[in-house]
Structure formats: structure tokens, C-alpha cells
Amino acid sequence: MANGRMSLSVEGEEKLIRIMAELELNDKRPEALRLAFVKGLVSFDSPPERKERKTRFVIPDGVVARGDDYILFKHLLVERVGQALDAKSVDDYMLRYIEEGLDIMAKEVDSLSDLDNYLLYLIGKHS
């Protein structure tokens, strides 16, 4: 099993590119998307609202999670949402948490000075 296609918003795509550059994750978009998902998941106690946004970039099948990772992410979402989820609902909630995680990460990057390193900031904040 793996995540299905998910349409990332234009704003989310721009934030993703910026965060990838900040974390020096060039050509490692899946890792940046997983970080955003986890950031969104740990930052919200209840599921974020669905936001209608203009989309341009499609996250392909299996990029965020597949196999055991998908099962783990699905169970984290089921626990957070408090109900059973089908594959389409898992993708929907996964995208919501990714979008929210990207929003939070972009705000954190904005709050840092030019001399700060975002990776060190994340390690310090979550250790």
C-alpha cells in the first residue's frame, strides 16, 4: 500500500521549494514532504480544516509513504482523527497535515535570522 496522488496547493509548492533549499534537500522532495507531514501532525491535536486552494503540483503515488511507512502513517492518522479511514481519506488527511506542516515550517524559517540554520533549529526544538 502507498499514498495516492495528492494535489499540493500553489502556495504549498512554493513553501516546499523554499524549505527544501533551506534544509539543503535539493532533489529530495519526498524527504521534505515527510518532514512537513510530521511537522503538521505533531503541531495539531485535531485534524486541520480542508482549505480550498489553487493547485498545480501533484504529489505522485507512493512518494510520501509506501509499505510499512504507509501503514504507520495511516495508524497515526486514524488515532489523530479518531475514526477508521479508507485510502482516499488517508490521502486527504495526509495532504492537510502536509499543507499545515509547510505553513508552520515557512513561518519558522521566516522567524530565523540569516545566520541561523533551520536544521539546527528543528533539532533544538524537537529534541
C-alpha atoms as a PDB file:
ATOM      1  CA  MET A   1       0.000   0.000   0.000  1.00  0.00           C
ATOM      2  CA  ALA A   2       1.072   3.560  -0.646  1.00  0.00           C
ATOM      3  CA  ASN A   3      -0.294   7.058  -0.688  1.00  0.00           C
ATOM      4  CA  GLY A   4      -2.258   8.026  -3.767  1.00  0.00           C
ATOM      5  CA  ARG A   5      -1.892  11.159  -5.856  1.00  0.00           C
ATOM      6  CA  MET A   6      -2.366  14.357  -3.892  1.00  0.00           C
ATOM      7  CA  SER A   7      -2.621  17.866  -5.326  1.00  0.00           C
ATOM      8  CA  LEU A   8      -0.446  20.295  -3.402  1.00  0.00           C
ATOM      9  CA  SER A   9      -1.528  23.930  -3.444  1.00  0.00           C
ATOM     10  CA  VAL A  10       0.469  26.537  -5.334  1.00  0.00           C
ATOM     11  CA  GLU A  11       1.372  28.182  -2.011  1.00  0.00           C
ATOM     12  CA  GLY A  12       2.357  24.797  -0.584  1.00  0.00           C
ATOM     13  CA  GLU A  13       4.578  24.077  -3.569  1.00  0.00           C
ATOM     14  CA  GLU A  14       6.346  27.432  -3.187  1.00  0.00           C
ATOM     15  CA  LYS A  15       6.885  26.791   0.522  1.00  0.00           C
ATOM     16  CA  LEU A  16       8.119  23.262  -0.213  1.00  0.00           C
ATOM     17  CA  ILE A  17      10.742  24.585  -2.645  1.00  0.00           C
ATOM     18  CA  ARG A  18      11.868  27.185  -0.127  1.00  0.00           C
ATOM     19  CA  ILE A  19      12.098  24.645   2.708  1.00  0.00           C
ATOM     20  CA  MET A  20      13.996  22.185   0.504  1.00  0.00           C
ATOM     21  CA  ALA A  21      16.530  24.923  -0.227  1.00  0.00           C
ATOM     22  CA  GLU A  22      16.729  25.941   3.439  1.00  0.00           C
ATOM     23  CA  LEU A  23      17.347  22.340   4.542  1.00  0.00           C
ATOM     24  CA  GLU A  24      19.617  21.634   1.553  1.00  0.00           C
ATOM     25  CA  LEU A  25      17.294  18.831   0.465  1.00  0.00           C
ATOM     26  CA  ASN A  26      17.674  19.575  -3.230  1.00  0.00           C
ATOM     27  CA  ASP A  27      16.340  16.649  -5.275  1.00  0.00           C
ATOM     28  CA  LYS A  28      14.955  15.096  -2.075  1.00  0.00           C
ATOM     29  CA  ARG A  29      11.356  16.229  -2.282  1.00  0.00           C
ATOM     30  CA  PRO A  30       9.944  13.057  -0.640  1.00  0.00           C
ATOM     31  CA  GLU A  31      12.017  13.686   2.498  1.00  0.00           C
ATOM     32  CA  ALA A  32      10.832  17.302   2.653  1.00  0.00           C
ATOM     33  CA  LEU A  33       7.201  16.184   2.226  1.00  0.00           C
ATOM     34  CA  ARG A  34       7.590  13.614   5.017  1.00  0.00           C
ATOM     35  CA  LEU A  35       9.090  16.281   7.299  1.00  0.00           C
ATOM     36  CA  ALA A  36       6.172  18.585   6.524  1.00  0.00           C
ATOM     37  CA  PHE A  37       3.683  15.782   7.235  1.00  0.00           C
ATOM     38  CA  VAL A  38       5.271  15.014  10.600  1.00  0.00           C
ATOM     39  CA  LYS A  39       5.545  18.718  11.454  1.00  0.00           C
ATOM     40  CA  GLY A  40       1.849  19.156  10.749  1.00  0.00           C
ATOM     41  CA  LEU A  41       0.933  16.000  12.661  1.00  0.00           C
ATOM     42  CA  VAL A  42       2.813  16.956  15.841  1.00  0.00           C
ATOM     43  CA  SER A  43       1.596  20.563  15.710  1.00  0.00           C
ATOM     44  CA  PHE A  44      -2.149  19.902  15.657  1.00  0.00           C
ATOM     45  CA  ASP A  45      -4.191  17.956  18.213  1.00  0.00           C
ATOM     46  CA  SER A  46      -7.221  17.855  15.933  1.00  0.00           C
ATOM     47  CA  PRO A  47      -7.249  17.465  12.155  1.00  0.00           C
ATOM     48  CA  PRO A  48      -6.696  20.701  10.231  1.00  0.00           C
ATOM     49  CA  GLU A  49      -9.543  22.057   8.195  1.00  0.00           C
ATOM     50  CA  ARG A  50      -9.575  21.385   4.487  1.00  0.00           C
ATOM     51  CA  LYS A  51      -8.609  24.515   2.585  1.00  0.00           C
ATOM     52  CA  GLU A  52      -9.685  25.086  -0.956  1.00  0.00           C
ATOM     53  CA  ARG A  53      -6.594  26.298  -2.737  1.00  0.00           C
ATOM     54  CA  LYS A  54      -5.454  26.544  -6.296  1.00  0.00           C
ATOM     55  CA  THR A  55      -3.355  23.513  -7.174  1.00  0.00           C
ATOM     56  CA  ARG A  56      -0.563  22.987  -9.670  1.00  0.00           C
ATOM     57  CA  PHE A  57       1.771  20.282  -8.396  1.00  0.00           C
ATOM     58  CA  VAL A  58       0.663  16.679  -7.933  1.00  0.00           C
ATOM     59  CA  ILE A  59       2.461  14.512  -5.407  1.00  0.00           C
ATOM     60  CA  PRO A  60       2.768  11.164  -7.224  1.00  0.00           C
ATOM     61  CA  ASP A  61       1.655   7.804  -5.861  1.00  0.00           C
ATOM     62  CA  GLY A  62       3.857   6.360  -3.144  1.00  0.00           C
ATOM     63  CA  VAL A  63       6.125   9.391  -2.726  1.00  0.00           C
ATOM     64  CA  VAL A  64       5.218  10.267   0.850  1.00  0.00           C
ATOM     65  CA  ALA A  65       4.707   6.755   2.193  1.00  0.00           C
ATOM     66  CA  ARG A  66       4.621   3.190   0.986  1.00  0.00           C
ATOM     67  CA  GLY A  67       4.706  -0.234   2.598  1.00  0.00           C
ATOM     68  CA  ASP A  68       5.316  -0.198   6.344  1.00  0.00           C
ATOM     69  CA  ASP A  69       5.685   3.606   6.376  1.00  0.00           C
ATOM     70  CA  TYR A  70       2.208   3.945   4.863  1.00  0.00           C
ATOM     71  CA  ILE A  71       0.715   1.634   7.488  1.00  0.00           C
ATOM     72  CA  LEU A  72       2.431   3.622  10.261  1.00  0.00           C
ATOM     73  CA  PHE A  73       1.234   6.965   8.846  1.00  0.00           C
ATOM     74  CA  LYS A  74      -2.289   5.575   8.390  1.00  0.00           C
ATOM     75  CA  HIS A  75      -2.471   4.439  12.019  1.00  0.00           C
ATOM     76  CA  LEU A  76      -1.132   7.789  13.244  1.00  0.00           C
ATOM     77  CA  LEU A  77      -3.878   9.495  11.253  1.00  0.00           C
ATOM     78  CA  VAL A  78      -6.581   7.089  12.488  1.00  0.00           C
ATOM     79  CA  GLU A  79      -5.529   7.782  16.074  1.00  0.00           C
ATOM     80  CA  ARG A  80      -5.486  11.536  15.489  1.00  0.00           C
ATOM     81  CA  VAL A  81      -8.812  11.626  13.639  1.00  0.00           C
ATOM     82  CA  GLY A  82     -10.482   9.076  15.910  1.00  0.00           C
ATOM     83  CA  GLN A  83     -12.183   7.032  13.221  1.00  0.00           C
ATOM     84  CA  ALA A  84     -11.433   4.398  10.597  1.00  0.00           C
ATOM     85  CA  LEU A  85     -10.166   5.816   7.313  1.00  0.00           C
ATOM     86  CA  ASP A  86     -10.254   4.445   3.797  1.00  0.00           C
ATOM     87  CA  ALA A  87      -7.343   5.032   1.412  1.00  0.00           C
ATOM     88  CA  LYS A  88      -8.881   8.189  -0.069  1.00  0.00           C
ATOM     89  CA  SER A  89      -9.443   9.685   3.394  1.00  0.00           C
ATOM     90  CA  VAL A  90      -5.869   8.830   4.407  1.00  0.00           C
ATOM     91  CA  ASP A  91      -4.607  10.766   1.381  1.00  0.00           C
ATOM     92  CA  ASP A  92      -6.918  13.695   2.203  1.00  0.00           C
ATOM     93  CA  TYR A  93      -5.746  13.957   5.816  1.00  0.00           C
ATOM     94  CA  MET A  94      -2.125  13.370   4.808  1.00  0.00           C
ATOM     95  CA  LEU A  95      -2.346  16.319   2.403  1.00  0.00           C
ATOM     96  CA  ARG A  96      -3.953  18.535   5.067  1.00  0.00           C
ATOM     97  CA  TYR A  97      -1.141  17.809   7.519  1.00  0.00           C
ATOM     98  CA  ILE A  98       1.489  18.340   4.797  1.00  0.00           C
ATOM     99  CA  GLU A  99      -0.007  21.741   3.886  1.00  0.00           C
ATOM    100  CA  GLU A 100      -0.191  22.791   7.542  1.00  0.00           C
ATOM    101  CA  GLY A 101       3.319  21.493   8.197  1.00  0.00           C
ATOM    102  CA  LEU A 102       4.629  23.516   5.258  1.00  0.00           C
ATOM    103  CA  ASP A 103       2.858  26.628   6.591  1.00  0.00           C
ATOM    104  CA  ILE A 104       4.445  26.179  10.031  1.00  0.00           C
ATOM    105  CA  MET A 105       7.874  25.438   8.615  1.00  0.00           C
ATOM    106  CA  ALA A 106       7.731  28.514   6.360  1.00  0.00           C
ATOM    107  CA  LYS A 107       6.822  30.707   9.353  1.00  0.00           C
ATOM    108  CA  GLU A 108       9.690  29.222  11.353  1.00  0.00           C
ATOM    109  CA  VAL A 109      12.133  29.888   8.516  1.00  0.00           C
ATOM    110  CA  ASP A 110      10.855  33.476   8.309  1.00  0.00           C
ATOM    111  CA  SER A 111      11.478  33.955  12.024  1.00  0.00           C
ATOM    112  CA  LEU A 112      15.160  32.978  11.759  1.00  0.00           C
ATOM    113  CA  SER A 113      17.960  35.391  11.025  1.00  0.00           C
ATOM    114  CA  ASP A 114      20.283  34.909   8.067  1.00  0.00           C
ATOM    115  CA  LEU A 115      22.853  33.409  10.406  1.00  0.00           C
ATOM    116  CA  ASP A 116      20.530  30.763  11.833  1.00  0.00           C
ATOM    117  CA  ASN A 117      20.384  27.242  10.414  1.00  0.00           C
ATOM    118  CA  TYR A 118      16.869  25.781  10.130  1.00  0.00           C
ATOM    119  CA  LEU A 119      18.052  22.191  10.571  1.00  0.00           C
ATOM    120  CA  LEU A 120      19.773  23.090  13.851  1.00  0.00           C
ATOM    121  CA  TYR A 121      16.637  25.000  14.863  1.00  0.00           C
ATOM    122  CA  LEU A 122      14.497  21.875  14.252  1.00  0.00           C
ATOM    123  CA  ILE A 123      16.895  19.641  16.171  1.00  0.00           C
ATOM    124  CA  GLY A 124      16.924  22.048  19.108  1.00  0.00           C
ATOM    125  CA  LYS A 125      13.167  22.459  19.127  1.00  0.00           C
ATOM    126  CA  HIS A 126      12.257  18.776  18.882  1.00  0.00           C
ATOM    127  CA  SER A 127      14.973  17.143  20.975  1.00  0.00           C
END
